[in-house]
C-alpha atoms as a PDB file:
ATOM      1  CA  MET A   1       5.858 -30.096   0.501  1.00  0.00           C
ATOM      2  CA  ALA A   2       2.301 -30.000  -0.780  1.00  0.00           C
ATOM      3  CA  THR A   3       0.140 -26.938  -0.328  1.00  0.00           C
ATOM      4  CA  PRO A   4      -2.159 -27.378   2.681  1.00  0.00           C
ATOM      5  CA  PRO A   5      -5.760 -28.080   1.758  1.00  0.00           C
ATOM      6  CA  SER A   6      -8.309 -25.337   2.080  1.00  0.00           C
ATOM      7  CA  PRO A   7     -12.096 -25.541   2.161  1.00  0.00           C
ATOM      8  CA  GLY A   8     -14.116 -23.920  -0.559  1.00  0.00           C
ATOM      9  CA  ARG A   9     -13.746 -23.907  -4.322  1.00  0.00           C
ATOM     10  CA  PRO A  10     -10.119 -23.567  -5.522  1.00  0.00           C
ATOM     11  CA  GLY A  11     -11.117 -21.549  -8.580  1.00  0.00           C
ATOM     12  CA  LEU A  12     -13.144 -19.080  -6.539  1.00  0.00           C
ATOM     13  CA  ASP A  13     -10.302 -18.740  -4.023  1.00  0.00           C
ATOM     14  CA  LEU A  14      -7.850 -17.880  -6.803  1.00  0.00           C
ATOM     15  CA  PHE A  15     -10.236 -15.357  -8.353  1.00  0.00           C
ATOM     16  CA  LEU A  16     -10.857 -13.607  -5.027  1.00  0.00           C
ATOM     17  CA  VAL A  17      -7.250 -13.499  -3.837  1.00  0.00           C
ATOM     18  CA  SER A  18      -6.095 -12.207  -7.245  1.00  0.00           C
ATOM     19  CA  GLY A  19      -8.614  -9.390  -6.945  1.00  0.00           C
ATOM     20  CA  LEU A  20      -7.450  -8.646  -3.398  1.00  0.00           C
ATOM     21  CA  VAL A  21      -3.786  -8.514  -4.468  1.00  0.00           C
ATOM     22  CA  LEU A  22      -4.458  -6.036  -7.283  1.00  0.00           C
ATOM     23  CA  PHE A  23      -6.792  -3.917  -5.171  1.00  0.00           C
ATOM     24  CA  LEU A  24      -4.245  -3.708  -2.338  1.00  0.00           C
ATOM     25  CA  GLU A  25      -1.469  -2.944  -4.807  1.00  0.00           C
ATOM     26  CA  LEU A  26      -3.419  -0.054  -6.357  1.00  0.00           C
ATOM     27  CA  ALA A  27      -4.323   1.278  -2.903  1.00  0.00           C
ATOM     28  CA  CYS A  28      -0.610   1.389  -2.053  1.00  0.00           C
ATOM     29  CA  ILE A  29       0.253   3.000  -5.396  1.00  0.00           C
ATOM     30  CA  ARG A  30      -2.232   5.817  -4.723  1.00  0.00           C
ATOM     31  CA  TRP A  31      -1.702   6.271  -0.980  1.00  0.00           C
ATOM     32  CA  PHE A  32       2.053   6.211  -0.455  1.00  0.00           C
ATOM     33  CA  PRO A  33       3.169   8.723  -3.127  1.00  0.00           C
ATOM     34  CA  ALA A  34       0.385  11.043  -1.917  1.00  0.00           C
ATOM     35  CA  HIS A  35       2.058  11.172   1.506  1.00  0.00           C
ATOM     36  CA  VAL A  36       5.757  10.522   0.905  1.00  0.00           C
ATOM     37  CA  LEU A  37       7.026  13.238  -1.440  1.00  0.00           C
ATOM     38  CA  TYR A  38      10.103  11.247  -2.456  1.00  0.00           C
ATOM     39  CA  LEU A  39       8.038   8.390  -3.853  1.00  0.00           C
ATOM     40  CA  THR A  40       6.432  10.786  -6.326  1.00  0.00           C
ATOM     41  CA  PHE A  41       9.853  11.360  -7.900  1.00  0.00           C
ATOM     42  CA  PHE A  42      10.012   7.674  -8.848  1.00  0.00           C
ATOM     43  CA  THR A  43       6.509   6.752  -9.915  1.00  0.00           C
ATOM     44  CA  ASN A  44       7.189   3.018 -10.362  1.00  0.00           C
ATOM     45  CA  ALA A  45       8.864   2.477  -6.971  1.00  0.00           C
ATOM     46  CA  VAL A  46       5.662   1.362  -5.216  1.00  0.00           C
ATOM     47  CA  LEU A  47       4.634  -0.781  -8.187  1.00  0.00           C
ATOM     48  CA  LEU A  48       8.012  -2.561  -8.225  1.00  0.00           C
ATOM     49  CA  ALA A  49       7.914  -3.089  -4.452  1.00  0.00           C
ATOM     50  CA  ALA A  50       4.440  -4.629  -4.732  1.00  0.00           C
ATOM     51  CA  PHE A  51       5.575  -6.952  -7.536  1.00  0.00           C
ATOM     52  CA  VAL A  52       8.656  -8.035  -5.607  1.00  0.00           C
ATOM     53  CA  GLY A  53       6.639  -8.792  -2.470  1.00  0.00           C
ATOM     54  CA  MET A  54       3.935 -10.644  -4.410  1.00  0.00           C
ATOM     55  CA  SER A  55       6.554 -12.676  -6.313  1.00  0.00           C
ATOM     56  CA  VAL A  56       8.411 -13.639  -3.142  1.00  0.00           C
ATOM     57  CA  GLY A  57       5.100 -14.720  -1.641  1.00  0.00           C
ATOM     58  CA  CYS A  58       4.332 -16.905  -4.668  1.00  0.00           C
ATOM     59  CA  LEU A  59       7.769 -18.528  -4.376  1.00  0.00           C
ATOM     60  CA  LEU A  60       6.984 -19.364  -0.739  1.00  0.00           C
ATOM     61  CA  ALA A  61       3.611 -20.932  -1.561  1.00  0.00           C
ATOM     62  CA  ASP A  62       4.772 -24.408  -0.502  1.00  0.00           C
ATOM     63  CA  ARG A  63       6.119 -23.275   2.871  1.00  0.00           C
ATOM     64  CA  PRO A  64       3.959 -24.440   5.797  1.00  0.00           C
ATOM     65  CA  ALA A  65       4.119 -21.075   7.607  1.00  0.00           C
ATOM     66  CA  ARG A  66       1.093 -18.857   6.940  1.00  0.00           C
ATOM     67  CA  LEU A  67       2.659 -15.507   6.043  1.00  0.00           C
ATOM     68  CA  LEU A  68      -0.698 -13.800   5.572  1.00  0.00           C
ATOM     69  CA  LYS A  69      -1.110 -13.515   9.347  1.00  0.00           C
ATOM     70  CA  HIS A  70       1.815 -11.042   9.391  1.00  0.00           C
ATOM     71  CA  THR A  71       0.310  -8.795   6.686  1.00  0.00           C
ATOM     72  CA  PRO A  72      -1.833  -6.674   9.080  1.00  0.00           C
ATOM     73  CA  LEU A  73       1.286  -5.789  11.101  1.00  0.00           C
ATOM     74  CA  PHE A  74       3.319  -4.835   8.032  1.00  0.00           C
ATOM     75  CA  LEU A  75       0.423  -2.804   6.619  1.00  0.00           C
ATOM     76  CA  CYS A  76       0.103  -1.002   9.936  1.00  0.00           C
ATOM     77  CA  LEU A  77       3.857  -0.239  10.030  1.00  0.00           C
ATOM     78  CA  ALA A  78       3.921   0.960   6.409  1.00  0.00           C
ATOM     79  CA  LEU A  79       0.965   3.336   6.853  1.00  0.00           C
ATOM     80  CA  ALA A  80       2.398   4.619  10.141  1.00  0.00           C
ATOM     81  CA  ALA A  81       5.746   5.312   8.440  1.00  0.00           C
ATOM     82  CA  GLY A  82       3.947   7.240   5.699  1.00  0.00           C
ATOM     83  CA  LEU A  83       2.036   9.397   8.185  1.00  0.00           C
ATOM     84  CA  LEU A  84       5.196   9.943  10.253  1.00  0.00           C
ATOM     85  CA  THR A  85       6.952  11.210   7.135  1.00  0.00           C
ATOM     86  CA  VAL A  86       4.106  13.667   6.593  1.00  0.00           C
ATOM     87  CA  GLN A  87       4.312  14.943  10.186  1.00  0.00           C
ATOM     88  CA  LEU A  88       8.114  15.289  10.080  1.00  0.00           C
ATOM     89  CA  ARG A  89       8.322  16.499   6.492  1.00  0.00           C
ATOM     90  CA  SER A  90       9.933  19.873   7.282  1.00  0.00           C
ATOM     91  CA  GLN A  91      12.602  18.183   9.417  1.00  0.00           C
ATOM     92  CA  VAL A  92      13.183  15.262   7.048  1.00  0.00           C
ATOM     93  CA  GLU A  93      13.550  17.487   3.967  1.00  0.00           C
ATOM     94  CA  ARG A  94      16.498  19.299   5.519  1.00  0.00           C
ATOM     95  CA  TYR A  95      18.573  16.128   5.762  1.00  0.00           C
ATOM     96  CA  VAL A  96      17.659  14.214   2.605  1.00  0.00           C
ATOM     97  CA  ASN A  97      19.960  14.654  -0.368  1.00  0.00           C
ATOM     98  CA  VAL A  98      17.783  14.448  -3.481  1.00  0.00           C
ATOM     99  CA  ALA A  99      20.115  13.865  -6.430  1.00  0.00           C
ATOM    100  CA  ASP A 100      22.372  16.786  -5.410  1.00  0.00           C
ATOM    101  CA  GLN A 101      19.902  19.588  -6.093  1.00  0.00           C
ATOM    102  CA  ALA A 102      22.662  22.167  -5.604  1.00  0.00           C
ATOM    103  CA  ASN A 103      23.823  21.276  -9.109  1.00  0.00           C
ATOM    104  CA  PRO A 104      20.953  19.279 -10.592  1.00  0.00           C
ATOM    105  CA  GLU A 105      20.861  17.438 -13.888  1.00  0.00           C
ATOM    106  CA  VAL A 106      17.197  16.605 -13.241  1.00  0.00           C
ATOM    107  CA  VAL A 107      14.889  18.899 -11.292  1.00  0.00           C
ATOM    108  CA  PHE A 108      12.917  17.282  -8.463  1.00  0.00           C
ATOM    109  CA  PHE A 109      10.374  19.910  -7.423  1.00  0.00           C
ATOM    110  CA  GLY A 110      10.239  20.003  -3.639  1.00  0.00           C
ATOM    111  CA  GLY A 111      13.627  18.331  -3.315  1.00  0.00           C
ATOM    112  CA  GLU A 112      15.572  21.588  -3.375  1.00  0.00           C
ATOM    113  CA  VAL A 113      14.735  22.351   0.271  1.00  0.00           C
ATOM    114  CA  SER A 114      17.776  20.505   1.602  1.00  0.00           C
ATOM    115  CA  VAL A 115      20.267  22.673  -0.307  1.00  0.00           C
ATOM    116  CA  LEU A 116      18.676  25.920   0.877  1.00  0.00           C
ATOM    117  CA  GLN A 117      19.485  25.200   4.533  1.00  0.00           C
ATOM    118  CA  GLN A 118      22.871  24.603   6.125  1.00  0.00           C
ATOM    119  CA  VAL A 119      23.031  21.293   8.022  1.00  0.00           C
ATOM    120  CA  GLU A 120      25.949  19.175   9.202  1.00  0.00           C
ATOM    121  CA  PHE A 121      25.026  16.048   7.290  1.00  0.00           C
ATOM    122  CA  ARG A 122      22.613  14.673   4.730  1.00  0.00           C
ATOM    123  CA  PHE A 123      21.693  11.093   3.983  1.00  0.00           C
ATOM    124  CA  PRO A 124      20.979   9.723   0.491  1.00  0.00           C
ATOM    125  CA  LEU A 125      17.452   9.638  -0.859  1.00  0.00           C
ATOM    126  CA  GLU A 126      17.957   5.930  -1.520  1.00  0.00           C
ATOM    127  CA  ILE A 127      17.684   5.244   2.219  1.00  0.00           C
ATOM    128  CA  VAL A 128      14.150   6.665   2.346  1.00  0.00           C
ATOM    129  CA  LEU A 129      13.195   4.815  -0.826  1.00  0.00           C
ATOM    130  CA  GLY A 130      14.707   1.589   0.508  1.00  0.00           C
ATOM    131  CA  VAL A 131      12.741   1.734   3.764  1.00  0.00           C
ATOM    132  CA  PHE A 132       9.407   2.178   2.001  1.00  0.00           C
ATOM    133  CA  PHE A 133      10.317  -0.339  -0.715  1.00  0.00           C
ATOM    134  CA  VAL A 134      10.919  -3.015   1.927  1.00  0.00           C
ATOM    135  CA  LEU A 135       7.798  -2.131   3.949  1.00  0.00           C
ATOM    136  CA  ILE A 136       5.502  -2.222   0.899  1.00  0.00           C
ATOM    137  CA  ALA A 137       7.081  -5.453  -0.332  1.00  0.00           C
ATOM    138  CA  LEU A 138       6.501  -7.059   3.079  1.00  0.00           C
ATOM    139  CA  VAL A 139       2.829  -6.027   2.914  1.00  0.00           C
ATOM    140  CA  MET A 140       2.453  -7.971  -0.336  1.00  0.00           C
ATOM    141  CA  VAL A 141       4.319 -11.164   0.637  1.00  0.00           C
ATOM    142  CA  GLY A 142       1.398 -12.718   2.558  1.00  0.00           C
ATOM    143  CA  PRO A 143      -1.235 -12.104  -0.152  1.00  0.00           C
ATOM    144  CA  GLY A 144       1.306 -13.305  -2.730  1.00  0.00           C
ATOM    145  CA  GLN A 145       1.785 -16.591  -0.866  1.00  0.00           C
ATOM    146  CA  GLU A 146      -1.990 -17.008  -0.615  1.00  0.00           C
ATOM    147  CA  MET A 147      -2.272 -16.463  -4.367  1.00  0.00           C
ATOM    148  CA  GLY A 148       0.494 -18.992  -5.041  1.00  0.00           C
ATOM    149  CA  ARG A 149      -1.284 -21.567  -2.884  1.00  0.00           C
ATOM    150  CA  ALA A 150      -4.549 -20.931  -4.709  1.00  0.00           C
ATOM    151  CA  PHE A 151      -2.703 -21.434  -8.023  1.00  0.00           C
ATOM    152  CA  ASN A 152      -1.449 -24.826  -6.829  1.00  0.00           C
ATOM    153  CA  ARG A 153      -4.961 -25.951  -5.876  1.00  0.00           C
ATOM    154  CA  VAL A 154      -6.307 -25.389  -9.403  1.00  0.00           C
ATOM    155  CA  PRO A 155      -5.425 -28.538 -11.411  1.00  0.00           C
ATOM    156  CA  HIS A 156      -5.139 -26.979 -14.884  1.00  0.00           C
ATOM    157  CA  ARG A 157      -2.525 -24.253 -15.446  1.00  0.00           C
ATOM    158  CA  GLY A 158      -4.450 -22.588 -18.259  1.00  0.00           C
ATOM    159  CA  ARG A 159      -7.594 -22.322 -16.135  1.00  0.00           C
ATOM    160  CA  ALA A 160      -5.544 -21.056 -13.210  1.00  0.00           C
ATOM    161  CA  TYR A 161      -3.987 -18.249 -15.256  1.00  0.00           C
ATOM    162  CA  ALA A 162      -7.377 -17.320 -16.698  1.00  0.00           C
ATOM    163  CA  LEU A 163      -8.903 -17.074 -13.218  1.00  0.00           C
ATOM    164  CA  ASN A 164      -5.913 -15.075 -12.021  1.00  0.00           C
ATOM    165  CA  LEU A 165      -6.311 -12.649 -14.911  1.00  0.00           C
ATOM    166  CA  LEU A 166     -10.065 -12.288 -14.383  1.00  0.00           C
ATOM    167  CA  GLY A 167      -9.620 -11.754 -10.644  1.00  0.00           C
ATOM    168  CA  SER A 168      -6.908  -9.167 -11.250  1.00  0.00           C
ATOM    169  CA  LEU A 169      -9.147  -7.306 -13.695  1.00  0.00           C
ATOM    170  CA  ALA A 170     -11.980  -7.411 -11.162  1.00  0.00           C
ATOM    171  CA  GLY A 171      -9.694  -5.875  -8.526  1.00  0.00           C
ATOM    172  CA  ILE A 172      -8.635  -3.149 -10.949  1.00  0.00           C
ATOM    173  CA  LEU A 173     -12.224  -2.368 -11.950  1.00  0.00           C
ATOM    174  CA  LEU A 174     -13.351  -2.270  -8.315  1.00  0.00           C
ATOM    175  CA  PHE A 175     -10.614   0.191  -7.414  1.00  0.00           C
ATOM    176  CA  ALA A 176     -11.314   2.247 -10.541  1.00  0.00           C
ATOM    177  CA  ALA A 177     -14.978   2.444  -9.536  1.00  0.00           C
ATOM    178  CA  GLY A 178     -13.971   3.636  -6.076  1.00  0.00           C
ATOM    179  CA  SER A 179     -11.726   6.301  -7.600  1.00  0.00           C
ATOM    180  CA  THR A 180     -14.517   7.426  -9.925  1.00  0.00           C
ATOM    181  CA  PHE A 181     -16.781   7.999  -6.915  1.00  0.00           C
ATOM    182  CA  GLN A 182     -13.880   9.665  -5.051  1.00  0.00           C
ATOM    183  CA  LEU A 183     -13.983   7.192  -2.182  1.00  0.00           C
ATOM    184  CA  PRO A 184     -11.335   7.963   0.472  1.00  0.00           C
ATOM    185  CA  PRO A 185      -8.461   5.709   1.633  1.00  0.00           C
ATOM    186  CA  VAL A 186     -10.384   4.488   4.672  1.00  0.00           C
ATOM    187  CA  VAL A 187     -12.718   2.694   2.242  1.00  0.00           C
ATOM    188  CA  TRP A 188      -9.803   1.227   0.240  1.00  0.00           C
ATOM    189  CA  PHE A 189      -8.009  -0.179   3.252  1.00  0.00           C
ATOM    190  CA  GLY A 190     -11.268  -1.122   4.940  1.00  0.00           C
ATOM    191  CA  LEU A 191     -12.088  -3.390   1.988  1.00  0.00           C
ATOM    192  CA  CYS A 192      -8.530  -4.751   2.058  1.00  0.00           C
ATOM    193  CA  ALA A 193      -8.937  -5.521   5.780  1.00  0.00           C
ATOM    194  CA  LEU A 194     -12.179  -7.410   5.101  1.00  0.00           C
ATOM    195  CA  GLY A 195     -10.476  -9.388   2.335  1.00  0.00           C
ATOM    196  CA  LEU A 196      -7.578 -10.291   4.616  1.00  0.00           C
ATOM    197  CA  ILE A 197      -9.956 -11.453   7.342  1.00  0.00           C
ATOM    198  CA  VAL A 198     -11.819 -13.658   4.839  1.00  0.00           C
ATOM    199  CA  PHE A 199      -8.629 -15.460   3.815  1.00  0.00           C
ATOM    200  CA  LEU A 200      -7.239 -15.596   7.346  1.00  0.00           C
ATOM    201  CA  THR A 201     -10.381 -17.514   8.383  1.00  0.00           C
ATOM    202  CA  ARG A 202     -10.361 -19.701   5.245  1.00  0.00           C
ATOM    203  CA  ASP A 203      -8.996 -22.765   7.072  1.00  0.00           C
ATOM    204  CA  GLY A 204     -11.435 -22.448   9.940  1.00  0.00           C
ATOM    205  CA  VAL A 205      -8.814 -20.759  12.140  1.00  0.00           C
ATOM    206  CA  ARG A 206     -10.006 -17.615  13.907  1.00  0.00           C
ATOM    207  CA  PRO A 207      -7.484 -14.728  13.625  1.00  0.00           C
ATOM    208  CA  SER A 208      -5.963 -13.615  16.904  1.00  0.00           C
ATOM    209  CA  VAL A 209      -7.114 -10.509  18.727  1.00  0.00           C
ATOM    210  CA  LEU A 210      -3.743  -8.939  17.871  1.00  0.00           C
ATOM    211  CA  THR A 211      -4.378  -9.494  14.156  1.00  0.00           C
ATOM    212  CA  HIS A 212      -7.732  -7.743  14.390  1.00  0.00           C
ATOM    213  CA  ALA A 213      -6.070  -4.935  16.360  1.00  0.00           C
ATOM    214  CA  TYR A 214      -3.416  -4.385  13.679  1.00  0.00           C
ATOM    215  CA  LEU A 215      -6.080  -4.259  10.972  1.00  0.00           C
ATOM    216  CA  ALA A 216      -8.146  -1.809  13.008  1.00  0.00           C
ATOM    217  CA  VAL A 217      -5.101   0.417  13.548  1.00  0.00           C
ATOM    218  CA  ALA A 218      -4.213   0.287   9.842  1.00  0.00           C
ATOM    219  CA  VAL A 219      -7.732   1.365   8.842  1.00  0.00           C
ATOM    220  CA  ALA A 220      -7.674   4.070  11.536  1.00  0.00           C
ATOM    221  CA  LEU A 221      -4.361   5.404  10.200  1.00  0.00           C
ATOM    222  CA  SER A 222      -5.824   5.704   6.706  1.00  0.00           C
ATOM    223  CA  LEU A 223      -8.772   7.577   8.208  1.00  0.00           C
ATOM    224  CA  PHE A 224      -6.547  10.526   9.180  1.00  0.00           C
ATOM    225  CA  THR A 225      -6.001  11.511   5.534  1.00  0.00           C
ATOM    226  CA  SER A 226      -9.353  10.430   4.145  1.00  0.00           C
ATOM    227  CA  GLY A 227     -11.039  13.795   4.500  1.00  0.00           C
ATOM    228  CA  VAL A 228     -13.916  12.323   6.485  1.00  0.00           C
ATOM    229  CA  LEU A 229     -12.869  13.383   9.987  1.00  0.00           C
ATOM    230  CA  PRO A 230     -14.097  16.721  11.361  1.00  0.00           C
ATOM    231  CA  ILE A 231     -11.869  19.442   9.893  1.00  0.00           C
ATOM    232  CA  GLY A 232     -10.981  22.548  11.859  1.00  0.00           C
ATOM    233  CA  ASP A 233     -10.453  25.970  10.334  1.00  0.00           C
ATOM    234  CA  LYS A 234      -6.670  25.572  10.448  1.00  0.00           C
ATOM    235  CA  GLN A 235      -6.592  22.043   9.068  1.00  0.00           C
ATOM    236  CA  PRO A 236      -6.653  21.437   5.315  1.00  0.00           C
ATOM    237  CA  ALA A 237      -9.723  19.752   3.892  1.00  0.00           C
ATOM    238  CA  THR A 238      -8.707  16.639   1.952  1.00  0.00           C
ATOM    239  CA  ILE A 239     -10.515  15.442  -1.159  1.00  0.00           C
ATOM    240  CA  TRP A 240      -9.512  12.378  -3.172  1.00  0.00           C
ATOM    241  CA  SER A 241     -10.228  13.001  -6.835  1.00  0.00           C
ATOM    242  CA  PRO A 242     -10.021  10.127  -9.349  1.00  0.00           C
ATOM    243  CA  TYR A 243      -6.323  10.994  -9.798  1.00  0.00           C
ATOM    244  CA  TYR A 244      -5.005  13.134  -6.934  1.00  0.00           C
ATOM    245  CA  ARG A 245      -5.091  13.867  -3.252  1.00  0.00           C
ATOM    246  CA  ILE A 246      -6.233  17.496  -3.038  1.00  0.00           C
ATOM    247  CA  ASP A 247      -5.718  19.576   0.119  1.00  0.00           C
ATOM    248  CA  TYR A 248      -7.564  22.875   0.510  1.00  0.00           C
ATOM    249  CA  GLU A 249      -6.375  25.273   3.227  1.00  0.00           C
ATOM    250  CA  ARG A 250      -9.196  27.624   4.140  1.00  0.00           C
ATOM    251  CA  GLU A 251      -7.094  30.260   5.880  1.00  0.00           C
ATOM    252  CA  LYS A 252      -4.597  30.613   3.028  1.00  0.00           C
ATOM    253  CA  LYS A 253      -7.193  29.809   0.363  1.00  0.00           C
ATOM    254  CA  SER A 254      -4.608  27.565  -1.281  1.00  0.00           C
ATOM    255  CA  ILE A 255      -4.922  24.220  -3.038  1.00  0.00           C
ATOM    256  CA  SER A 256      -2.157  21.614  -3.179  1.00  0.00           C
ATOM    257  CA  THR A 257      -2.187  18.260  -4.993  1.00  0.00           C
END
């Protein structure tokens, strides 16, 4: 089945969606390990999940269903799961078995908590990794399909790959600039939300109110750890350096990254 036509310039569409895919991927790579401790043990887990989701989306480029309309929901669920893990960290750590830290061959700092407390059962770390792997992959399927469709609209393969590469580099440079200026996650996901809205309205179809609501919730969720909300004396102040999420606790005068 042929890819549905889309207004606008095919080359520009491919450039923009390639930039959006890379920008969203980098936002996920920075945000999720900064909130889910277990993802920091396996630094390429988020990257692989993003590639899998994007690749599946490209393979589904010829399908008539518009998968991009589901992306706001999946992004909302993924961010909510990350924040829930942060809130329940002390409870979750007791029950997660991180590579049998009672007799470790590799030390996972922070993963030894489960062996210091007696509990009736523990579930494998792979379950936590699997949940976030699937959620992040689902976030990337819609943008991946949009990129595959844009590829098919560009007549020459060489030109299409060149535009894809240039768009990807533009997305990387834009995110790098944001990191240099220490912009918080609410800016990252706010830009991603704007990009999604642009492509959701590409065919002249107005996104549903529910789609806008999911995007608004996703951006609001990222706001909670952006360090821009009013901070009380007992709440850590969050700063996003070019490389790390840094939390400063005023009462304890402690810094954690």
